[in-house]
Amino acid sequence: MCQNTEEVKQVYMKAIKFKLPVRVRAGGHDHAGECSGDNTILIDVTGIKDFDYDDITKVANIGAG
């Protein structure tokens, strides 16, 4: 369960290094099972709950969790 984007990057790079498939889960249920599998790296981004808003550009960045 990643807590920030740097942790997501680190996990993803290790998956690439070991040639493992990656699945991403952002909370909730997946009845089709798309976020699971054998010998798979699961990146759970539920814990990324940061929020940032720029008053000048009127752009919000909202974490995946």
PDB file of N, CA and C in Angstrom:
ATOM      1  N   MET A   1       0.846  -1.176   0.000  1.00  0.00           N
ATOM      2  CA  MET A   1       0.000   0.000   0.000  1.00  0.00           C
ATOM      3  C   MET A   1       0.887   1.234   0.000  1.00  0.00           C
ATOM      4  N   CYS A   2       0.942   1.881  -1.132  1.00  0.00           N
ATOM      5  CA  CYS A   2       1.788   3.061  -1.293  1.00  0.00           C
ATOM      6  C   CYS A   2       1.146   4.271  -0.616  1.00  0.00           C
ATOM      7  N   GLN A   3       1.999   5.104  -0.015  1.00  0.00           N
ATOM      8  CA  GLN A   3       1.527   6.309   0.656  1.00  0.00           C
ATOM      9  C   GLN A   3       1.812   7.578  -0.139  1.00  0.00           C
ATOM     10  N   ASN A   4       2.626   7.462  -1.196  1.00  0.00           N
ATOM     11  CA  ASN A   4       2.934   8.639  -2.017  1.00  0.00           C
ATOM     12  C   ASN A   4       3.422   8.188  -3.393  1.00  0.00           C
ATOM     13  N   THR A   5       3.576   9.143  -4.280  1.00  0.00           N
ATOM     14  CA  THR A   5       3.953   8.810  -5.653  1.00  0.00           C
ATOM     15  C   THR A   5       5.378   8.261  -5.746  1.00  0.00           C
ATOM     16  N   GLU A   6       6.247   8.640  -4.839  1.00  0.00           N
ATOM     17  CA  GLU A   6       7.616   8.107  -4.852  1.00  0.00           C
ATOM     18  C   GLU A   6       7.600   6.608  -4.573  1.00  0.00           C
ATOM     19  N   GLU A   7       6.767   6.165  -3.663  1.00  0.00           N
ATOM     20  CA  GLU A   7       6.653   4.731  -3.393  1.00  0.00           C
ATOM     21  C   GLU A   7       6.097   3.985  -4.600  1.00  0.00           C
ATOM     22  N   VAL A   8       5.134   4.580  -5.299  1.00  0.00           N
ATOM     23  CA  VAL A   8       4.606   3.963  -6.523  1.00  0.00           C
ATOM     24  C   VAL A   8       5.730   3.788  -7.536  1.00  0.00           C
ATOM     25  N   LYS A   9       6.533   4.817  -7.691  1.00  0.00           N
ATOM     26  CA  LYS A   9       7.657   4.766  -8.636  1.00  0.00           C
ATOM     27  C   LYS A   9       8.635   3.655  -8.268  1.00  0.00           C
ATOM     28  N   GLN A  10       8.980   3.549  -6.990  1.00  0.00           N
ATOM     29  CA  GLN A  10       9.932   2.534  -6.546  1.00  0.00           C
ATOM     30  C   GLN A  10       9.411   1.124  -6.812  1.00  0.00           C
ATOM     31  N   VAL A  11       8.142   0.886  -6.497  1.00  0.00           N
ATOM     32  CA  VAL A  11       7.556  -0.434  -6.711  1.00  0.00           C
ATOM     33  C   VAL A  11       7.502  -0.753  -8.202  1.00  0.00           C
ATOM     34  N   TYR A  12       7.102   0.220  -9.004  1.00  0.00           N
ATOM     35  CA  TYR A  12       7.014   0.015 -10.443  1.00  0.00           C
ATOM     36  C   TYR A  12       8.382  -0.322 -11.041  1.00  0.00           C
ATOM     37  N   MET A  13       9.415   0.384 -10.616  1.00  0.00           N
ATOM     38  CA  MET A  13      10.766   0.134 -11.133  1.00  0.00           C
ATOM     39  C   MET A  13      11.240  -1.270 -10.752  1.00  0.00           C
ATOM     40  N   LYS A  14      10.903  -1.741  -9.555  1.00  0.00           N
ATOM     41  CA  LYS A  14      11.279  -3.113  -9.166  1.00  0.00           C
ATOM     42  C   LYS A  14      10.529  -4.137 -10.002  1.00  0.00           C
ATOM     43  N   ALA A  15       9.268  -3.867 -10.294  1.00  0.00           N
ATOM     44  CA  ALA A  15       8.504  -4.783 -11.139  1.00  0.00           C
ATOM     45  C   ALA A  15       9.134  -4.878 -12.522  1.00  0.00           C
ATOM     46  N   ILE A  16       9.551  -3.762 -13.071  1.00  0.00           N
ATOM     47  CA  ILE A  16      10.219  -3.746 -14.376  1.00  0.00           C
ATOM     48  C   ILE A  16      11.530  -4.531 -14.298  1.00  0.00           C
ATOM     49  N   LYS A  17      12.296  -4.293 -13.238  1.00  0.00           N
ATOM     50  CA  LYS A  17      13.580  -4.966 -13.063  1.00  0.00           C
ATOM     51  C   LYS A  17      13.422  -6.486 -13.064  1.00  0.00           C
ATOM     52  N   PHE A  18      12.388  -6.977 -12.383  1.00  0.00           N
ATOM     53  CA  PHE A  18      12.181  -8.419 -12.276  1.00  0.00           C
ATOM     54  C   PHE A  18      11.193  -8.959 -13.319  1.00  0.00           C
ATOM     55  N   LYS A  19      10.816  -8.098 -14.265  1.00  0.00           N
ATOM     56  CA  LYS A  19       9.936  -8.479 -15.381  1.00  0.00           C
ATOM     57  C   LYS A  19       8.627  -9.101 -14.905  1.00  0.00           C
ATOM     58  N   LEU A  20       8.024  -8.456 -13.896  1.00  0.00           N
ATOM     59  CA  LEU A  20       6.751  -8.914 -13.360  1.00  0.00           C
ATOM     60  C   LEU A  20       5.621  -7.996 -13.820  1.00  0.00           C
ATOM     61  N   PRO A  21       4.456  -8.569 -14.115  1.00  0.00           N
ATOM     62  CA  PRO A  21       3.325  -7.728 -14.493  1.00  0.00           C
ATOM     63  C   PRO A  21       2.851  -6.887 -13.315  1.00  0.00           C
ATOM     64  N   VAL A  22       2.266  -5.742 -13.614  1.00  0.00           N
ATOM     65  CA  VAL A  22       1.814  -4.794 -12.595  1.00  0.00           C
ATOM     66  C   VAL A  22       0.293  -4.662 -12.664  1.00  0.00           C
ATOM     67  N   ARG A  23      -0.328  -4.649 -11.507  1.00  0.00           N
ATOM     68  CA  ARG A  23      -1.755  -4.350 -11.386  1.00  0.00           C
ATOM     69  C   ARG A  23      -1.882  -3.183 -10.416  1.00  0.00           C
ATOM     70  N   VAL A  24      -2.892  -2.349 -10.614  1.00  0.00           N
ATOM     71  CA  VAL A  24      -3.109  -1.198  -9.745  1.00  0.00           C
ATOM     72  C   VAL A  24      -4.494  -1.288  -9.134  1.00  0.00           C
ATOM     73  N   ARG A  25      -4.548  -1.003  -7.835  1.00  0.00           N
ATOM     74  CA  ARG A  25      -5.835  -0.983  -7.126  1.00  0.00           C
ATOM     75  C   ARG A  25      -5.964   0.352  -6.421  1.00  0.00           C
ATOM     76  N   ALA A  26      -7.139   0.962  -6.553  1.00  0.00           N
ATOM     77  CA  ALA A  26      -7.382   2.265  -5.931  1.00  0.00           C
ATOM     78  C   ALA A  26      -8.525   2.180  -4.927  1.00  0.00           C
ATOM     79  N   GLY A  27      -8.686   1.040  -4.293  1.00  0.00           N
ATOM     80  CA  GLY A  27      -9.737   0.860  -3.304  1.00  0.00           C
ATOM     81  C   GLY A  27     -10.972   0.237  -3.917  1.00  0.00           C
ATOM     82  N   GLY A  28     -11.871  -0.160  -3.080  1.00  0.00           N
ATOM     83  CA  GLY A  28     -13.104  -0.762  -3.559  1.00  0.00           C
ATOM     84  C   GLY A  28     -12.915  -2.198  -3.988  1.00  0.00           C
ATOM     85  N   HIS A  29     -13.907  -2.739  -4.653  1.00  0.00           N
ATOM     86  CA  HIS A  29     -13.892  -4.128  -5.070  1.00  0.00           C
ATOM     87  C   HIS A  29     -13.798  -4.221  -6.585  1.00  0.00           C
ATOM     88  N   ASP A  30     -13.185  -5.271  -7.056  1.00  0.00           N
ATOM     89  CA  ASP A  30     -13.072  -5.515  -8.495  1.00  0.00           C
ATOM     90  C   ASP A  30     -13.604  -6.919  -8.757  1.00  0.00           C
ATOM     91  N   HIS A  31     -14.862  -7.000  -9.127  1.00  0.00           N
ATOM     92  CA  HIS A  31     -15.486  -8.315  -9.311  1.00  0.00           C
ATOM     93  C   HIS A  31     -14.868  -9.104 -10.454  1.00  0.00           C
ATOM     94  N   ALA A  32     -14.193  -8.418 -11.391  1.00  0.00           N
ATOM     95  CA  ALA A  32     -13.564  -9.120 -12.518  1.00  0.00           C
ATOM     96  C   ALA A  32     -12.168  -9.632 -12.169  1.00  0.00           C
ATOM     97  N   GLY A  33     -11.646  -9.261 -11.008  1.00  0.00           N
ATOM     98  CA  GLY A  33     -10.333  -9.737 -10.582  1.00  0.00           C
ATOM     99  C   GLY A  33      -9.169  -9.145 -11.349  1.00  0.00           C
ATOM    100  N   GLU A  34      -9.343  -7.959 -11.905  1.00  0.00           N
ATOM    101  CA  GLU A  34      -8.292  -7.348 -12.722  1.00  0.00           C
ATOM    102  C   GLU A  34      -7.098  -6.839 -11.908  1.00  0.00           C
ATOM    103  N   CYS A  35      -7.239  -6.751 -10.596  1.00  0.00           N
ATOM    104  CA  CYS A  35      -6.120  -6.260  -9.788  1.00  0.00           C
ATOM    105  C   CYS A  35      -5.473  -7.394  -9.006  1.00  0.00           C
ATOM    106  N   SER A  36      -5.548  -8.603  -9.527  1.00  0.00           N
ATOM    107  CA  SER A  36      -4.898  -9.723  -8.864  1.00  0.00           C
ATOM    108  C   SER A  36      -4.265 -10.633  -9.905  1.00  0.00           C
ATOM    109  N   GLY A  37      -3.551 -11.622  -9.448  1.00  0.00           N
ATOM    110  CA  GLY A  37      -2.932 -12.581 -10.355  1.00  0.00           C
ATOM    111  C   GLY A  37      -1.719 -13.227  -9.716  1.00  0.00           C
ATOM    112  N   ASP A  38      -1.247 -14.290 -10.314  1.00  0.00           N
ATOM    113  CA  ASP A  38      -0.062 -14.980  -9.826  1.00  0.00           C
ATOM    114  C   ASP A  38       1.190 -14.250 -10.296  1.00  0.00           C
ATOM    115  N   ASN A  39       2.208 -14.217  -9.422  1.00  0.00           N
ATOM    116  CA  ASN A  39       3.486 -13.573  -9.748  1.00  0.00           C
ATOM    117  C   ASN A  39       3.275 -12.165 -10.294  1.00  0.00           C
ATOM    118  N   THR A  40       2.435 -11.428  -9.622  1.00  0.00           N
ATOM    119  CA  THR A  40       2.057 -10.078 -10.042  1.00  0.00           C
ATOM    120  C   THR A  40       2.374  -9.091  -8.933  1.00  0.00           C
ATOM    121  N   ILE A  41       2.823  -7.914  -9.324  1.00  0.00           N
ATOM    122  CA  ILE A  41       3.032  -6.831  -8.370  1.00  0.00           C
ATOM    123  C   ILE A  41       1.742  -6.014  -8.309  1.00  0.00           C
ATOM    124  N   LEU A  42       1.174  -5.893  -7.116  1.00  0.00           N
ATOM    125  CA  LEU A  42      -0.026  -5.090  -6.921  1.00  0.00           C
ATOM    126  C   LEU A  42       0.377  -3.766  -6.294  1.00  0.00           C
ATOM    127  N   ILE A  43       0.098  -2.692  -6.987  1.00  0.00           N
ATOM    128  CA  ILE A  43       0.355  -1.349  -6.457  1.00  0.00           C
ATOM    129  C   ILE A  43      -0.984  -0.813  -5.961  1.00  0.00           C
ATOM    130  N   ASP A  44      -1.115  -0.723  -4.646  1.00  0.00           N
ATOM    131  CA  ASP A  44      -2.344  -0.229  -4.037  1.00  0.00           C
ATOM    132  C   ASP A  44      -2.150   1.246  -3.706  1.00  0.00           C
ATOM    133  N   VAL A  45      -2.914   2.111  -4.355  1.00  0.00           N
ATOM    134  CA  VAL A  45      -2.758   3.559  -4.175  1.00  0.00           C
ATOM    135  C   VAL A  45      -3.847   4.148  -3.278  1.00  0.00           C
ATOM    136  N   THR A  46      -4.549   3.286  -2.554  1.00  0.00           N
ATOM    137  CA  THR A  46      -5.624   3.744  -1.682  1.00  0.00           C
ATOM    138  C   THR A  46      -5.126   4.755  -0.651  1.00  0.00           C
ATOM    139  N   GLY A  47      -3.890   4.620  -0.201  1.00  0.00           N
ATOM    140  CA  GLY A  47      -3.357   5.497   0.841  1.00  0.00           C
ATOM    141  C   GLY A  47      -2.904   6.855   0.356  1.00  0.00           C
ATOM    142  N   ILE A  48      -2.913   7.087  -0.937  1.00  0.00           N
ATOM    143  CA  ILE A  48      -2.461   8.391  -1.461  1.00  0.00           C
ATOM    144  C   ILE A  48      -3.656   9.337  -1.441  1.00  0.00           C
ATOM    145  N   LYS A  49      -3.734  10.133  -0.387  1.00  0.00           N
ATOM    146  CA  LYS A  49      -4.900  10.989  -0.179  1.00  0.00           C
ATOM    147  C   LYS A  49      -4.536  12.472  -0.140  1.00  0.00           C
ATOM    148  N   ASP A  50      -3.429  12.832  -0.779  1.00  0.00           N
ATOM    149  CA  ASP A  50      -3.026  14.230  -0.763  1.00  0.00           C
ATOM    150  C   ASP A  50      -3.932  15.066  -1.669  1.00  0.00           C
ATOM    151  N   PHE A  51      -3.985  16.348  -1.391  1.00  0.00           N
ATOM    152  CA  PHE A  51      -4.799  17.274  -2.164  1.00  0.00           C
ATOM    153  C   PHE A  51      -4.049  18.596  -2.256  1.00  0.00           C
ATOM    154  N   ASP A  52      -4.029  19.172  -3.443  1.00  0.00           N
ATOM    155  CA  ASP A  52      -3.367  20.453  -3.644  1.00  0.00           C
ATOM    156  C   ASP A  52      -4.192  21.265  -4.633  1.00  0.00           C
ATOM    157  N   TYR A  53      -4.371  22.538  -4.351  1.00  0.00           N
ATOM    158  CA  TYR A  53      -5.120  23.412  -5.250  1.00  0.00           C
ATOM    159  C   TYR A  53      -4.315  24.680  -5.489  1.00  0.00           C
ATOM    160  N   ASP A  54      -4.166  25.049  -6.758  1.00  0.00           N
ATOM    161  CA  ASP A  54      -3.437  26.254  -7.136  1.00  0.00           C
ATOM    162  C   ASP A  54      -4.450  27.344  -7.465  1.00  0.00           C
ATOM    163  N   ASP A  55      -4.494  28.388  -6.634  1.00  0.00           N
ATOM    164  CA  ASP A  55      -5.441  29.492  -6.834  1.00  0.00           C
ATOM    165  C   ASP A  55      -5.233  30.231  -8.144  1.00  0.00           C
ATOM    166  N   ILE A  56      -4.002  30.281  -8.618  1.00  0.00           N
ATOM    167  CA  ILE A  56      -3.697  31.014  -9.850  1.00  0.00           C
ATOM    168  C   ILE A  56      -4.177  30.254 -11.081  1.00  0.00           C
ATOM    169  N   THR A  57      -3.812  28.991 -11.180  1.00  0.00           N
ATOM    170  CA  THR A  57      -4.173  28.207 -12.366  1.00  0.00           C
ATOM    171  C   THR A  57      -5.562  27.563 -12.235  1.00  0.00           C
ATOM    172  N   LYS A  58      -6.102  27.567 -11.000  1.00  0.00           N
ATOM    173  CA  LYS A  58      -7.388  26.917 -10.733  1.00  0.00           C
ATOM    174  C   LYS A  58      -7.341  25.417 -11.022  1.00  0.00           C
ATOM    175  N   VAL A  59      -6.176  24.792 -10.753  1.00  0.00           N
ATOM    176  CA  VAL A  59      -5.976  23.366 -10.998  1.00  0.00           C
ATOM    177  C   VAL A  59      -5.832  22.651  -9.660  1.00  0.00           C
ATOM    178  N   ALA A  60      -6.544  21.536  -9.537  1.00  0.00           N
ATOM    179  CA  ALA A  60      -6.452  20.709  -8.339  1.00  0.00           C
ATOM    180  C   ALA A  60      -5.757  19.401  -8.676  1.00  0.00           C
ATOM    181  N   ASN A  61      -4.867  18.957  -7.794  1.00  0.00           N
ATOM    182  CA  ASN A  61      -4.239  17.639  -7.881  1.00  0.00           C
ATOM    183  C   ASN A  61      -4.765  16.833  -6.710  1.00  0.00           C
ATOM    184  N   ILE A  62      -5.428  15.731  -7.022  1.00  0.00           N
ATOM    185  CA  ILE A  62      -6.068  14.927  -6.002  1.00  0.00           C
ATOM    186  C   ILE A  62      -5.483  13.533  -6.029  1.00  0.00           C
ATOM    187  N   GLY A  63      -5.060  13.047  -4.861  1.00  0.00           N
ATOM    188  CA  GLY A  63      -4.490  11.711  -4.763  1.00  0.00           C
ATOM    189  C   GLY A  63      -5.493  10.636  -5.143  1.00  0.00           C
ATOM    190  N   ALA A  64      -4.981   9.507  -5.557  1.00  0.00           N
ATOM    191  CA  ALA A  64      -5.824   8.412  -6.052  1.00  0.00           C
ATOM    192  C   ALA A  64      -6.685   7.774  -4.968  1.00  0.00           C
ATOM    193  N   GLY A  65      -6.264   7.851  -3.703  1.00  0.00           N
ATOM    194  CA  GLY A  65      -6.987   7.185  -2.632  1.00  0.00           C
ATOM    195  C   GLY A  65      -8.198   7.948  -2.222  1.00  0.00           C
TER     196      GLY A  65
END
